[in-house]
C-alpha cells in the first residue's frame, strides 16, 4: 500500500514517524489531513504540522538532528541519517576535514543552540562546509527558518524513498 493511502493511524505513524528525525508527532498531526491526493500533499501536511508547532517543539525537532560528522556510530543516529551522511562521503573524511567540520559544528551550536542542518543529498564535504560558512553569520531568526526549511527538504527526500 502506498504511504499516501494508509488509513490506519498507528500504521501511518509507524511507517512515517521517522521521516522527521526522532519526531513522530509530525506524522501524528499530519494524519488528520488525510486523504492525501499525492506525495506533495502528504509532505505539505507534514510541513504544516511542523510550522504550526510551538517554538519549543520546533527547537526540539532541530535538536533531534545529529551533528554532521558527529559520531556516525552513535546509538541515537537513525539509519536514515547514517546513510545520508555516508552518501555525502562524511564517513570517509580525512582527520583534518573531520576536525574542520567539528570546529564549525561547535561554533554553529554555540551561536544558535541547535546543530547545523542541511539536506546533504547531492553535496560533498566541500559543499557542506561552504553552506556552514555561509549560514554562520545569519541571525538566529534567519537560521531557525533556514534549518526548518532544510528539515523539510530532508523529509521530502525520505518520503520519496518510502514511496
Protein backbone atom coordinates (compact mmCIF):
# COMPACT_ATOMS: atom_id res chain seq x y z
CA UNK A 1 0.00 0.00 0.00
CA UNK A 2 1.23 3.45 -0.92
CA UNK A 3 2.17 5.67 2.01
CA UNK A 4 -0.36 8.29 0.88
CA UNK A 5 -3.20 5.78 1.26
CA UNK A 6 -2.53 4.46 4.76
CA UNK A 7 -5.85 4.75 6.61
CA UNK A 8 -4.81 3.38 10.00
CA UNK A 9 -3.23 5.99 12.29
CA UNK A 10 -0.91 3.59 14.17
CA UNK A 11 0.37 2.18 10.86
CA UNK A 12 0.74 5.70 9.42
CA UNK A 13 2.80 6.82 12.42
CA UNK A 14 4.80 3.58 12.43
CA UNK A 15 5.71 3.97 8.74
CA UNK A 16 6.20 7.75 8.68
CA UNK A 17 7.15 8.63 12.25
CA UNK A 18 10.85 8.68 11.42
CA UNK A 19 10.59 10.98 8.40
CA UNK A 20 11.21 13.89 10.77
CA UNK A 21 14.16 12.87 12.94
CA UNK A 22 13.01 11.36 16.26
CA UNK A 23 9.75 13.34 15.95
CA UNK A 24 6.76 11.04 15.34
CA UNK A 25 4.46 13.84 16.48
CA UNK A 26 4.75 15.32 12.98
CA UNK A 27 3.18 12.22 11.40
CA UNK A 28 0.59 12.03 14.18
CA UNK A 29 -0.57 15.60 13.48
CA UNK A 30 -0.40 15.29 9.69
CA UNK A 31 -2.64 12.20 9.78
CA UNK A 32 -5.66 14.44 10.42
CA UNK A 33 -5.23 15.98 6.94
CA UNK A 34 -5.97 12.70 5.13
CA UNK A 35 -6.77 11.78 2.47
CA UNK A 36 -3.65 12.80 0.57
CA UNK A 37 -4.02 13.21 -3.17
CA UNK A 38 -0.27 12.95 -3.73
CA UNK A 39 3.12 12.74 -2.13
CA UNK A 40 3.25 16.53 -2.42
CA UNK A 41 0.04 16.80 -0.39
CA UNK A 42 1.41 14.46 2.28
CA UNK A 43 4.65 16.45 2.51
CA UNK A 44 2.72 19.73 2.70
CA UNK A 45 0.57 18.37 5.55
CA UNK A 46 3.68 17.29 7.44
CA UNK A 47 5.32 20.67 6.88
CA UNK A 48 2.16 22.43 8.12
CA UNK A 49 2.35 20.31 11.27
CA UNK A 50 5.91 21.49 11.81
CA UNK A 51 5.24 25.14 11.03
CA UNK A 52 2.18 25.25 13.30
CA UNK A 53 4.09 23.66 16.19
CA UNK A 54 5.16 25.68 19.18
CA UNK A 55 8.58 27.33 19.22
CA UNK A 56 9.68 24.75 21.80
CA UNK A 57 8.57 21.87 19.57
CA UNK A 58 10.36 23.34 16.57
CA UNK A 59 13.54 23.73 18.59
CA UNK A 60 13.22 20.15 19.88
CA UNK A 61 12.83 18.96 16.27
CA UNK A 62 16.02 20.75 15.27
CA UNK A 63 17.88 19.44 18.29
CA UNK A 64 16.76 15.88 17.42
CA UNK A 65 19.01 16.04 14.34
CA UNK A 66 22.56 14.77 14.68
CA UNK A 67 25.57 16.94 14.03
CA UNK A 68 27.18 16.22 10.71
CA UNK A 69 30.25 14.12 11.27
CA UNK A 70 29.23 13.56 14.83
CA UNK A 71 29.66 10.00 15.93
CA UNK A 72 28.39 8.03 12.93
CA UNK A 73 28.17 5.01 15.23
CA UNK A 74 26.14 6.80 17.91
CA UNK A 75 23.13 4.89 19.19
CA UNK A 76 20.79 7.84 18.55
CA UNK A 77 21.81 8.18 14.91
CA UNK A 78 18.98 6.86 12.76
CA UNK A 79 19.70 4.62 9.80
CA UNK A 80 18.38 7.40 7.54
CA UNK A 81 20.88 9.91 8.98
CA UNK A 82 23.71 7.39 8.82
CA UNK A 83 23.08 6.59 5.15
CA UNK A 84 22.51 10.26 4.22
CA UNK A 85 25.81 11.29 5.79
CA UNK A 86 27.60 8.35 4.17
CA UNK A 87 26.13 9.28 0.76
CA UNK A 88 27.87 12.65 1.10
CA UNK A 89 31.15 10.89 1.89
CA UNK A 90 31.25 12.04 5.50
CA UNK A 91 32.22 8.55 6.62
CA UNK A 92 35.42 8.88 4.53
CA UNK A 93 36.68 12.29 5.68
CA UNK A 94 40.32 12.81 6.49
CA UNK A 95 41.21 13.71 10.08
CA UNK A 96 41.76 17.36 9.00
CA UNK A 97 38.37 17.51 7.25
CA UNK A 98 36.69 15.98 10.28
CA UNK A 99 38.40 18.46 12.62
CA UNK A 100 37.32 21.43 10.46
CA UNK A 101 33.71 20.29 10.32
CA UNK A 102 33.60 19.59 14.05
CA UNK A 103 35.02 23.06 14.79
CA UNK A 104 32.33 24.64 12.58
CA UNK A 105 29.69 22.44 14.25
CA UNK A 106 30.80 23.70 17.66
CA UNK A 107 30.72 27.37 16.57
CA UNK A 108 27.31 26.89 15.00
CA UNK A 109 25.80 25.10 18.01
CA UNK A 110 27.24 27.70 20.39
CA UNK A 111 25.73 30.54 18.37
CA UNK A 112 22.32 29.05 17.57
CA UNK A 113 21.67 26.38 20.22
CA UNK A 114 20.96 23.54 17.77
CA UNK A 115 23.02 21.55 15.26
CA UNK A 116 23.72 22.70 11.73
CA UNK A 117 21.18 21.02 9.44
CA UNK A 118 21.44 20.69 5.69
CA UNK A 119 19.98 18.19 3.26
CA UNK A 120 23.23 16.52 2.17
CA UNK A 121 21.81 14.80 -0.91
CA UNK A 122 23.98 15.83 -3.84
CA UNK A 123 26.56 17.52 -1.62
CA UNK A 124 30.09 16.54 -0.68
CA UNK A 125 32.29 17.65 2.20
CA UNK A 126 33.32 20.91 0.47
CA UNK A 127 29.71 21.79 -0.40
CA UNK A 128 28.60 21.17 3.17
CA UNK A 129 31.46 23.26 4.57
CA UNK A 130 30.59 26.11 2.18
CA UNK A 131 26.97 26.08 3.39
CA UNK A 132 28.05 26.05 7.03
CA UNK A 133 30.30 29.05 6.45
CA UNK A 134 27.57 30.88 4.50
CA UNK A 135 25.00 30.38 7.25
CA UNK A 136 27.14 31.07 10.33
CA UNK A 137 26.74 34.89 10.02
CA UNK A 138 22.91 34.58 9.96
CA UNK A 139 20.73 35.95 12.72
CA UNK A 140 19.13 33.34 14.97
CA UNK A 141 15.72 34.05 13.43
CA UNK A 142 17.05 33.62 9.88
CA UNK A 143 18.87 30.45 10.86
CA UNK A 144 15.82 28.93 12.54
CA UNK A 145 13.96 29.44 9.26
CA UNK A 146 16.84 28.03 7.21
CA UNK A 147 17.20 24.99 9.44
CA UNK A 148 13.45 24.26 9.36
CA UNK A 149 13.49 24.58 5.55
CA UNK A 150 16.34 22.07 5.41
CA UNK A 151 14.44 19.70 7.70
CA UNK A 152 11.58 19.92 5.21
CA UNK A 153 13.92 19.05 2.32
CA UNK A 154 15.31 16.07 4.23
CA UNK A 155 11.76 14.91 4.99
CA UNK A 156 10.83 15.19 1.33
CA UNK A 157 13.79 13.02 0.29
CA UNK A 158 12.86 10.48 2.96
CA UNK A 159 9.22 10.41 1.81
CA UNK A 160 10.34 9.85 -1.78
CA UNK A 161 12.48 6.93 -0.61
CA UNK A 162 9.46 5.39 1.15
CA UNK A 163 7.04 5.93 -1.75
